[in-house]
């Protein structure tokens, strides 16, 4: 086979040379955001212990850019909700979510945060998606640290592919309006 029928065209002036690469703003911002997620743990029970193991040296969530655990919602962009959330805690969780700056993402860690778990009672919130939007669900009771790491990696993929303009889109505004969030 001959490659003689392929004609190579010279690149335009100014778009080649050492240290030059071309990409889109969405890709660069997505890559930067995905590799610098600052987690805010909202842990109430056994899933919080698994998160502690995830942040420790053996699993080391810091290798994914989550080095700095923030306990202030104004300085975090990834909310990890872990454990049983009672209905009385729902407004507090919502307030923490609203205090986070955009863009913000939420991971529901464990069966209790995802669906209420084994606590099908009047006092337990049957999934945090009743009060705030959730981006990634991590199953398990409690989930292993590997599962939490997998959840963070799935969130990174979502963040990488998200458009810079998504947060101002009518669809996103409609989603927030469905939760009565301004």
C-alpha atoms as a PDB file:
ATOM      1  CA  UNK A   1       0.000   0.000   0.000  1.00  0.00           C
ATOM      2  CA  UNK A   2       1.181   3.398  -0.892  1.00  0.00           C
ATOM      3  CA  UNK A   3       0.506   6.617   0.990  1.00  0.00           C
ATOM      4  CA  UNK A   4       1.283   8.703  -2.079  1.00  0.00           C
ATOM      5  CA  UNK A   5      -2.326   9.864  -2.433  1.00  0.00           C
ATOM      6  CA  UNK A   6      -2.221  11.714   0.944  1.00  0.00           C
ATOM      7  CA  UNK A   7      -1.254  15.362   0.594  1.00  0.00           C
ATOM      8  CA  UNK A   8       0.129  17.162   3.628  1.00  0.00           C
ATOM      9  CA  UNK A   9      -0.630  20.848   3.984  1.00  0.00           C
ATOM     10  CA  UNK A  10       1.677  23.188   5.876  1.00  0.00           C
ATOM     11  CA  UNK A  11       0.217  24.643   9.100  1.00  0.00           C
ATOM     12  CA  UNK A  12      -0.845  28.293   8.996  1.00  0.00           C
ATOM     13  CA  UNK A  13       1.616  30.928  10.140  1.00  0.00           C
ATOM     14  CA  UNK A  14       1.852  31.298  13.938  1.00  0.00           C
ATOM     15  CA  UNK A  15       0.220  28.017  14.972  1.00  0.00           C
ATOM     16  CA  UNK A  16       3.215  25.747  15.152  1.00  0.00           C
ATOM     17  CA  UNK A  17       6.498  25.601  16.944  1.00  0.00           C
ATOM     18  CA  UNK A  18       7.911  24.666  20.279  1.00  0.00           C
ATOM     19  CA  UNK A  19       5.598  25.034  23.280  1.00  0.00           C
ATOM     20  CA  UNK A  20       2.446  25.544  21.220  1.00  0.00           C
ATOM     21  CA  UNK A  21      -0.696  23.487  21.390  1.00  0.00           C
ATOM     22  CA  UNK A  22      -4.264  24.118  20.382  1.00  0.00           C
ATOM     23  CA  UNK A  23      -7.347  23.249  22.409  1.00  0.00           C
ATOM     24  CA  UNK A  24     -10.619  24.766  23.519  1.00  0.00           C
ATOM     25  CA  UNK A  25     -11.310  26.844  26.599  1.00  0.00           C
ATOM     26  CA  UNK A  26     -13.875  24.271  27.779  1.00  0.00           C
ATOM     27  CA  UNK A  27     -11.225  21.537  27.758  1.00  0.00           C
ATOM     28  CA  UNK A  28      -8.631  23.581  29.643  1.00  0.00           C
ATOM     29  CA  UNK A  29     -11.087  24.813  32.281  1.00  0.00           C
ATOM     30  CA  UNK A  30     -12.599  21.326  32.637  1.00  0.00           C
ATOM     31  CA  UNK A  31      -9.171  19.759  33.124  1.00  0.00           C
ATOM     32  CA  UNK A  32      -8.197  22.382  35.712  1.00  0.00           C
ATOM     33  CA  UNK A  33     -11.478  22.017  37.603  1.00  0.00           C
ATOM     34  CA  UNK A  34     -11.420  18.215  37.535  1.00  0.00           C
ATOM     35  CA  UNK A  35      -7.921  18.022  38.971  1.00  0.00           C
ATOM     36  CA  UNK A  36      -8.411  20.572  41.734  1.00  0.00           C
ATOM     37  CA  UNK A  37     -11.660  19.575  43.445  1.00  0.00           C
ATOM     38  CA  UNK A  38     -11.753  20.691  47.072  1.00  0.00           C
ATOM     39  CA  UNK A  39     -13.972  18.358  49.080  1.00  0.00           C
ATOM     40  CA  UNK A  40     -16.309  19.395  51.876  1.00  0.00           C
ATOM     41  CA  UNK A  41     -17.180  16.300  53.939  1.00  0.00           C
ATOM     42  CA  UNK A  42     -20.655  16.254  55.478  1.00  0.00           C
ATOM     43  CA  UNK A  43     -20.364  13.022  57.435  1.00  0.00           C
ATOM     44  CA  UNK A  44     -22.777  11.770  60.053  1.00  0.00           C
ATOM     45  CA  UNK A  45     -22.029   8.073  60.586  1.00  0.00           C
ATOM     46  CA  UNK A  46     -20.053   5.049  59.391  1.00  0.00           C
ATOM     47  CA  UNK A  47     -19.516   6.353  55.837  1.00  0.00           C
ATOM     48  CA  UNK A  48     -17.519   9.194  57.399  1.00  0.00           C
ATOM     49  CA  UNK A  49     -15.073   6.663  58.819  1.00  0.00           C
ATOM     50  CA  UNK A  50     -14.606   5.184  55.344  1.00  0.00           C
ATOM     51  CA  UNK A  51     -13.968   8.696  54.010  1.00  0.00           C
ATOM     52  CA  UNK A  52     -11.266   9.162  56.645  1.00  0.00           C
ATOM     53  CA  UNK A  53      -9.608   6.006  55.345  1.00  0.00           C
ATOM     54  CA  UNK A  54      -9.930   7.341  51.801  1.00  0.00           C
ATOM     55  CA  UNK A  55      -8.092  10.529  52.749  1.00  0.00           C
ATOM     56  CA  UNK A  56      -5.361   8.626  54.617  1.00  0.00           C
ATOM     57  CA  UNK A  57      -2.046   7.564  53.141  1.00  0.00           C
ATOM     58  CA  UNK A  58      -3.066   4.132  51.820  1.00  0.00           C
ATOM     59  CA  UNK A  59      -5.770   5.352  49.421  1.00  0.00           C
ATOM     60  CA  UNK A  60      -4.655   9.014  49.263  1.00  0.00           C
ATOM     61  CA  UNK A  61      -7.418  11.012  47.595  1.00  0.00           C
ATOM     62  CA  UNK A  62      -4.857  13.821  47.265  1.00  0.00           C
ATOM     63  CA  UNK A  63      -3.446  12.188  44.122  1.00  0.00           C
ATOM     64  CA  UNK A  64      -6.660  13.265  42.365  1.00  0.00           C
ATOM     65  CA  UNK A  65      -6.225  16.916  43.246  1.00  0.00           C
ATOM     66  CA  UNK A  66      -8.343  16.770  46.402  1.00  0.00           C
ATOM     67  CA  UNK A  67      -5.451  17.571  48.705  1.00  0.00           C
ATOM     68  CA  UNK A  68      -7.144  20.305  50.644  1.00  0.00           C
ATOM     69  CA  UNK A  69     -10.195  19.200  52.594  1.00  0.00           C
ATOM     70  CA  UNK A  70     -12.250  22.301  53.227  1.00  0.00           C
ATOM     71  CA  UNK A  71     -14.568  22.620  56.184  1.00  0.00           C
ATOM     72  CA  UNK A  72     -15.897  25.924  54.913  1.00  0.00           C
ATOM     73  CA  UNK A  73     -18.579  25.750  52.197  1.00  0.00           C
ATOM     74  CA  UNK A  74     -17.345  28.986  50.649  1.00  0.00           C
ATOM     75  CA  UNK A  75     -13.982  27.403  49.861  1.00  0.00           C
ATOM     76  CA  UNK A  76     -15.160  24.011  48.598  1.00  0.00           C
ATOM     77  CA  UNK A  77     -16.611  22.883  45.288  1.00  0.00           C
ATOM     78  CA  UNK A  78     -17.274  19.172  45.937  1.00  0.00           C
ATOM     79  CA  UNK A  79     -19.773  18.274  48.675  1.00  0.00           C
ATOM     80  CA  UNK A  80     -19.497  14.694  49.923  1.00  0.00           C
ATOM     81  CA  UNK A  81     -22.599  13.762  51.902  1.00  0.00           C
ATOM     82  CA  UNK A  82     -21.989  10.597  53.914  1.00  0.00           C
ATOM     83  CA  UNK A  83     -24.259   8.793  56.317  1.00  0.00           C
ATOM     84  CA  UNK A  84     -27.794   9.037  57.603  1.00  0.00           C
ATOM     85  CA  UNK A  85     -29.369  12.446  57.096  1.00  0.00           C
ATOM     86  CA  UNK A  86     -32.381  13.111  59.286  1.00  0.00           C
ATOM     87  CA  UNK A  87     -35.207  15.340  58.078  1.00  0.00           C
ATOM     88  CA  UNK A  88     -34.162  17.934  60.656  1.00  0.00           C
ATOM     89  CA  UNK A  89     -30.717  18.044  59.038  1.00  0.00           C
ATOM     90  CA  UNK A  90     -32.161  18.552  55.534  1.00  0.00           C
ATOM     91  CA  UNK A  91     -32.395  22.373  55.813  1.00  0.00           C
ATOM     92  CA  UNK A  92     -28.848  22.543  57.192  1.00  0.00           C
ATOM     93  CA  UNK A  93     -27.522  20.420  54.327  1.00  0.00           C
ATOM     94  CA  UNK A  94     -29.354  22.664  51.886  1.00  0.00           C
ATOM     95  CA  UNK A  95     -27.886  25.779  53.527  1.00  0.00           C
ATOM     96  CA  UNK A  96     -24.375  24.324  53.255  1.00  0.00           C
ATOM     97  CA  UNK A  97     -25.025  23.582  49.558  1.00  0.00           C
ATOM     98  CA  UNK A  98     -26.323  27.099  48.917  1.00  0.00           C
ATOM     99  CA  UNK A  99     -23.274  28.641  50.598  1.00  0.00           C
ATOM    100  CA  UNK A 100     -20.937  26.892  48.178  1.00  0.00           C
ATOM    101  CA  UNK A 101     -19.829  28.961  45.209  1.00  0.00           C
ATOM    102  CA  UNK A 102     -20.585  27.872  41.650  1.00  0.00           C
ATOM    103  CA  UNK A 103     -19.524  25.549  40.174  1.00  0.00           C
ATOM    104  CA  UNK A 104     -20.369  23.011  42.848  1.00  0.00           C
ATOM    105  CA  UNK A 105     -20.827  19.272  42.683  1.00  0.00           C
ATOM    106  CA  UNK A 106     -22.376  16.743  45.071  1.00  0.00           C
ATOM    107  CA  UNK A 107     -21.511  13.106  45.747  1.00  0.00           C
ATOM    108  CA  UNK A 108     -23.947  11.013  47.800  1.00  0.00           C
ATOM    109  CA  UNK A 109     -21.789   8.436  49.578  1.00  0.00           C
ATOM    110  CA  UNK A 110     -23.438   5.289  50.893  1.00  0.00           C
ATOM    111  CA  UNK A 111     -26.907   3.833  50.976  1.00  0.00           C
ATOM    112  CA  UNK A 112     -28.202   6.244  53.636  1.00  0.00           C
ATOM    113  CA  UNK A 113     -27.313   9.410  51.732  1.00  0.00           C
ATOM    114  CA  UNK A 114     -28.490   7.887  48.448  1.00  0.00           C
ATOM    115  CA  UNK A 115     -31.803   6.358  49.531  1.00  0.00           C
ATOM    116  CA  UNK A 116     -32.197   6.409  53.303  1.00  0.00           C
ATOM    117  CA  UNK A 117     -30.579   2.997  53.629  1.00  0.00           C
ATOM    118  CA  UNK A 118     -32.185   0.582  56.070  1.00  0.00           C
ATOM    119  CA  UNK A 119     -33.796   3.483  57.930  1.00  0.00           C
ATOM    120  CA  UNK A 120     -37.231   3.655  56.289  1.00  0.00           C
ATOM    121  CA  UNK A 121     -38.671   5.820  59.066  1.00  0.00           C
ATOM    122  CA  UNK A 122     -40.492   9.116  59.378  1.00  0.00           C
ATOM    123  CA  UNK A 123     -37.394  10.914  60.660  1.00  0.00           C
ATOM    124  CA  UNK A 124     -34.818   9.917  58.023  1.00  0.00           C
ATOM    125  CA  UNK A 125     -34.512  11.687  54.683  1.00  0.00           C
ATOM    126  CA  UNK A 126     -34.959   9.064  51.968  1.00  0.00           C
ATOM    127  CA  UNK A 127     -32.092  10.336  49.821  1.00  0.00           C
ATOM    128  CA  UNK A 128     -30.438  13.743  49.778  1.00  0.00           C
ATOM    129  CA  UNK A 129     -31.730  14.319  46.261  1.00  0.00           C
ATOM    130  CA  UNK A 130     -34.973  15.374  47.980  1.00  0.00           C
ATOM    131  CA  UNK A 131     -33.263  18.622  49.092  1.00  0.00           C
ATOM    132  CA  UNK A 132     -30.238  19.170  46.806  1.00  0.00           C
ATOM    133  CA  UNK A 133     -29.238  17.959  43.329  1.00  0.00           C
ATOM    134  CA  UNK A 134     -26.773  15.040  43.274  1.00  0.00           C
ATOM    135  CA  UNK A 135     -24.150  14.444  40.570  1.00  0.00           C
ATOM    136  CA  UNK A 136     -22.702  11.054  41.582  1.00  0.00           C
ATOM    137  CA  UNK A 137     -24.039   8.257  43.785  1.00  0.00           C
ATOM    138  CA  UNK A 138     -21.611   5.889  45.535  1.00  0.00           C
ATOM    139  CA  UNK A 139     -23.387   2.678  46.604  1.00  0.00           C
ATOM    140  CA  UNK A 140     -22.564   0.594  49.648  1.00  0.00           C
ATOM    141  CA  UNK A 141     -23.256   0.291  53.343  1.00  0.00           C
ATOM    142  CA  UNK A 142     -20.691   1.589  54.058  1.00  0.00           C
ATOM    143  CA  UNK A 143     -18.823   1.857  50.762  1.00  0.00           C
ATOM    144  CA  UNK A 144     -15.184   0.830  50.699  1.00  0.00           C
ATOM    145  CA  UNK A 145     -12.571   3.541  50.150  1.00  0.00           C
ATOM    146  CA  UNK A 146     -12.037   2.190  46.623  1.00  0.00           C
ATOM    147  CA  UNK A 147     -15.683   2.942  45.852  1.00  0.00           C
ATOM    148  CA  UNK A 148     -15.348   6.504  47.143  1.00  0.00           C
ATOM    149  CA  UNK A 149     -12.245   6.976  44.990  1.00  0.00           C
ATOM    150  CA  UNK A 150     -14.219   5.605  42.020  1.00  0.00           C
ATOM    151  CA  UNK A 151     -17.014   8.090  42.764  1.00  0.00           C
ATOM    152  CA  UNK A 152     -14.535  10.974  42.765  1.00  0.00           C
ATOM    153  CA  UNK A 153     -13.046   9.727  39.477  1.00  0.00           C
ATOM    154  CA  UNK A 154     -16.545   9.582  37.945  1.00  0.00           C
ATOM    155  CA  UNK A 155     -17.164  13.128  39.126  1.00  0.00           C
ATOM    156  CA  UNK A 156     -13.859  14.192  37.558  1.00  0.00           C
ATOM    157  CA  UNK A 157     -14.998  12.772  34.211  1.00  0.00           C
ATOM    158  CA  UNK A 158     -18.265  14.682  34.526  1.00  0.00           C
ATOM    159  CA  UNK A 159     -16.422  17.900  35.403  1.00  0.00           C
ATOM    160  CA  UNK A 160     -13.960  17.501  32.511  1.00  0.00           C
ATOM    161  CA  UNK A 161     -16.749  17.206  29.964  1.00  0.00           C
ATOM    162  CA  UNK A 162     -18.955  19.948  31.427  1.00  0.00           C
ATOM    163  CA  UNK A 163     -19.284  23.116  29.380  1.00  0.00           C
ATOM    164  CA  UNK A 164     -18.114  26.376  30.925  1.00  0.00           C
ATOM    165  CA  UNK A 165     -21.526  27.823  30.100  1.00  0.00           C
ATOM    166  CA  UNK A 166     -23.599  24.963  31.581  1.00  0.00           C
ATOM    167  CA  UNK A 167     -24.115  26.700  34.919  1.00  0.00           C
ATOM    168  CA  UNK A 168     -25.820  29.667  33.236  1.00  0.00           C
ATOM    169  CA  UNK A 169     -27.946  27.525  30.916  1.00  0.00           C
ATOM    170  CA  UNK A 170     -31.745  27.542  31.176  1.00  0.00           C
ATOM    171  CA  UNK A 171     -31.717  23.787  31.901  1.00  0.00           C
ATOM    172  CA  UNK A 172     -29.471  24.252  34.935  1.00  0.00           C
ATOM    173  CA  UNK A 173     -31.521  27.198  36.175  1.00  0.00           C
ATOM    174  CA  UNK A 174     -34.642  25.053  35.798  1.00  0.00           C
ATOM    175  CA  UNK A 175     -32.991  22.253  37.818  1.00  0.00           C
ATOM    176  CA  UNK A 176     -32.148  24.652  40.649  1.00  0.00           C
ATOM    177  CA  UNK A 177     -35.664  26.125  40.478  1.00  0.00           C
ATOM    178  CA  UNK A 178     -37.121  22.637  40.937  1.00  0.00           C
ATOM    179  CA  UNK A 179     -35.290  22.568  44.301  1.00  0.00           C
ATOM    180  CA  UNK A 180     -36.316  26.192  45.067  1.00  0.00           C
ATOM    181  CA  UNK A 181     -32.683  27.279  44.934  1.00  0.00           C
ATOM    182  CA  UNK A 182     -31.895  30.692  43.510  1.00  0.00           C
END
